[in-house]
């Protein structure tokens, strides 16, 4: 796995607001597919801001002591950001994440 700090042309406008650790490599299973792994712990400092955004916009509360829920919030926001960045670099073509 190679480690890198994810920076794209659109994120460079944010002046380091989204420095996210991303690991890219091959998964050690049959077929060896490529994988992108996002380090959610690296951006945990954004957790309170994103939880507030979930509450303000959608009235979804996440308990502070629920680690799995907190990781889901971090992963969700980072995945949305990553797909947005990839879409920006693809020139607006469709993207499917699963």
C-alpha atoms as a PDB file:
ATOM      1  CA  UNK A   1       0.000   0.000   0.000  1.00  0.00           C
ATOM      2  CA  UNK A   2       1.203   3.460  -0.827  1.00  0.00           C
ATOM      3  CA  UNK A   3       0.331   6.314   1.511  1.00  0.00           C
ATOM      4  CA  UNK A   4      -0.353   9.766   0.203  1.00  0.00           C
ATOM      5  CA  UNK A   5      -1.978  12.986   1.265  1.00  0.00           C
ATOM      6  CA  UNK A   6      -4.938  13.500  -1.016  1.00  0.00           C
ATOM      7  CA  UNK A   7      -4.761  16.816  -2.799  1.00  0.00           C
ATOM      8  CA  UNK A   8      -6.543  17.654  -6.009  1.00  0.00           C
ATOM      9  CA  UNK A   9      -6.887  20.875  -8.027  1.00  0.00           C
ATOM     10  CA  UNK A  10     -10.192  21.706  -6.325  1.00  0.00           C
ATOM     11  CA  UNK A  11      -8.925  20.915  -2.821  1.00  0.00           C
ATOM     12  CA  UNK A  12      -5.851  23.105  -3.311  1.00  0.00           C
ATOM     13  CA  UNK A  13      -8.233  26.082  -3.329  1.00  0.00           C
ATOM     14  CA  UNK A  14      -9.124  25.185   0.263  1.00  0.00           C
ATOM     15  CA  UNK A  15      -5.546  25.782   1.478  1.00  0.00           C
ATOM     16  CA  UNK A  16      -5.090  22.519   3.370  1.00  0.00           C
ATOM     17  CA  UNK A  17      -8.636  22.332   4.736  1.00  0.00           C
ATOM     18  CA  UNK A  18      -8.987  18.702   3.609  1.00  0.00           C
ATOM     19  CA  UNK A  19      -5.622  17.012   4.065  1.00  0.00           C
ATOM     20  CA  UNK A  20      -6.765  13.394   4.258  1.00  0.00           C
ATOM     21  CA  UNK A  21      -4.648  10.272   4.475  1.00  0.00           C
ATOM     22  CA  UNK A  22      -5.575   7.966   1.642  1.00  0.00           C
ATOM     23  CA  UNK A  23      -3.989   4.584   0.976  1.00  0.00           C
ATOM     24  CA  UNK A  24      -4.056   3.119  -2.507  1.00  0.00           C
ATOM     25  CA  UNK A  25      -3.035  -0.396  -3.450  1.00  0.00           C
ATOM     26  CA  UNK A  26      -4.265  -3.880  -4.166  1.00  0.00           C
ATOM     27  CA  UNK A  27      -6.475  -5.940  -1.905  1.00  0.00           C
ATOM     28  CA  UNK A  28      -4.936  -9.311  -1.075  1.00  0.00           C
ATOM     29  CA  UNK A  29      -7.874 -11.440  -2.232  1.00  0.00           C
ATOM     30  CA  UNK A  30      -8.566 -13.407  -5.392  1.00  0.00           C
ATOM     31  CA  UNK A  31      -8.250 -11.139  -8.410  1.00  0.00           C
ATOM     32  CA  UNK A  32      -6.239  -8.516  -6.477  1.00  0.00           C
ATOM     33  CA  UNK A  33      -8.600  -5.584  -7.101  1.00  0.00           C
ATOM     34  CA  UNK A  34      -7.431  -2.022  -6.558  1.00  0.00           C
ATOM     35  CA  UNK A  35      -8.621  -0.388  -3.330  1.00  0.00           C
ATOM     36  CA  UNK A  36      -8.682   3.099  -1.874  1.00  0.00           C
ATOM     37  CA  UNK A  37      -8.617   3.224   1.936  1.00  0.00           C
ATOM     38  CA  UNK A  38      -9.475   6.431   3.801  1.00  0.00           C
ATOM     39  CA  UNK A  39      -7.976   7.000   7.267  1.00  0.00           C
ATOM     40  CA  UNK A  40     -10.977   8.273   9.252  1.00  0.00           C
ATOM     41  CA  UNK A  41      -8.937   8.785  12.440  1.00  0.00           C
ATOM     42  CA  UNK A  42      -6.743  11.333  10.648  1.00  0.00           C
ATOM     43  CA  UNK A  43      -9.700  13.715  10.284  1.00  0.00           C
ATOM     44  CA  UNK A  44     -11.374  13.074  13.643  1.00  0.00           C
ATOM     45  CA  UNK A  45     -10.888  16.752  14.551  1.00  0.00           C
ATOM     46  CA  UNK A  46     -13.811  17.512  12.176  1.00  0.00           C
ATOM     47  CA  UNK A  47     -16.226  15.186  13.984  1.00  0.00           C
ATOM     48  CA  UNK A  48     -18.032  17.805  16.088  1.00  0.00           C
ATOM     49  CA  UNK A  49     -18.451  20.112  13.093  1.00  0.00           C
ATOM     50  CA  UNK A  50     -19.912  17.339  10.925  1.00  0.00           C
ATOM     51  CA  UNK A  51     -22.189  16.074  13.700  1.00  0.00           C
ATOM     52  CA  UNK A  52     -23.501  19.626  14.121  1.00  0.00           C
ATOM     53  CA  UNK A  53     -24.084  19.831  10.377  1.00  0.00           C
ATOM     54  CA  UNK A  54     -26.085  16.583  10.498  1.00  0.00           C
ATOM     55  CA  UNK A  55     -28.191  17.942  13.363  1.00  0.00           C
ATOM     56  CA  UNK A  56     -28.731  21.412  11.854  1.00  0.00           C
ATOM     57  CA  UNK A  57     -29.670  20.186   8.376  1.00  0.00           C
ATOM     58  CA  UNK A  58     -31.394  16.847   9.010  1.00  0.00           C
ATOM     59  CA  UNK A  59     -32.108  16.650  12.783  1.00  0.00           C
ATOM     60  CA  UNK A  60     -29.972  13.508  13.047  1.00  0.00           C
ATOM     61  CA  UNK A  61     -28.310  13.219  16.437  1.00  0.00           C
ATOM     62  CA  UNK A  62     -25.216  11.104  17.025  1.00  0.00           C
ATOM     63  CA  UNK A  63     -24.249  10.302  20.651  1.00  0.00           C
ATOM     64  CA  UNK A  64     -20.749  11.412  21.566  1.00  0.00           C
ATOM     65  CA  UNK A  65     -19.888   8.055  23.198  1.00  0.00           C
ATOM     66  CA  UNK A  66     -20.843   5.826  20.229  1.00  0.00           C
ATOM     67  CA  UNK A  67     -17.552   5.133  18.484  1.00  0.00           C
ATOM     68  CA  UNK A  68     -19.083   3.171  15.604  1.00  0.00           C
ATOM     69  CA  UNK A  69     -21.565   5.958  14.867  1.00  0.00           C
ATOM     70  CA  UNK A  70     -18.773   8.537  15.035  1.00  0.00           C
ATOM     71  CA  UNK A  71     -16.687   6.494  12.583  1.00  0.00           C
ATOM     72  CA  UNK A  72     -19.713   6.246  10.276  1.00  0.00           C
ATOM     73  CA  UNK A  73     -20.103  10.039  10.313  1.00  0.00           C
ATOM     74  CA  UNK A  74     -16.418  10.534   9.504  1.00  0.00           C
ATOM     75  CA  UNK A  75     -16.466   7.883   6.781  1.00  0.00           C
ATOM     76  CA  UNK A  76     -19.639   9.278   5.223  1.00  0.00           C
ATOM     77  CA  UNK A  77     -18.358  12.834   4.984  1.00  0.00           C
ATOM     78  CA  UNK A  78     -14.950  11.722   3.692  1.00  0.00           C
ATOM     79  CA  UNK A  79     -16.520   9.422   1.101  1.00  0.00           C
ATOM     80  CA  UNK A  80     -18.793  12.216  -0.132  1.00  0.00           C
ATOM     81  CA  UNK A  81     -15.788  14.525  -0.355  1.00  0.00           C
ATOM     82  CA  UNK A  82     -13.632  11.948  -2.160  1.00  0.00           C
ATOM     83  CA  UNK A  83     -16.330  11.158  -4.737  1.00  0.00           C
ATOM     84  CA  UNK A  84     -16.848  14.884  -5.267  1.00  0.00           C
ATOM     85  CA  UNK A  85     -13.133  15.365  -5.898  1.00  0.00           C
ATOM     86  CA  UNK A  86     -13.005  12.437  -8.312  1.00  0.00           C
ATOM     87  CA  UNK A  87     -16.061  13.820 -10.112  1.00  0.00           C
ATOM     88  CA  UNK A  88     -14.395  17.206 -10.387  1.00  0.00           C
ATOM     89  CA  UNK A  89     -11.306  15.635 -11.960  1.00  0.00           C
ATOM     90  CA  UNK A  90     -13.436  13.495 -14.322  1.00  0.00           C
ATOM     91  CA  UNK A  91     -15.085  16.547 -15.830  1.00  0.00           C
ATOM     92  CA  UNK A  92     -18.562  15.869 -14.459  1.00  0.00           C
ATOM     93  CA  UNK A  93     -18.968  12.308 -15.735  1.00  0.00           C
ATOM     94  CA  UNK A  94     -20.985   9.867 -13.649  1.00  0.00           C
ATOM     95  CA  UNK A  95     -19.432   8.138 -10.654  1.00  0.00           C
ATOM     96  CA  UNK A  96     -20.612   5.031  -8.860  1.00  0.00           C
ATOM     97  CA  UNK A  97     -19.344   4.149  -5.405  1.00  0.00           C
ATOM     98  CA  UNK A  98     -20.059   0.887  -3.644  1.00  0.00           C
END
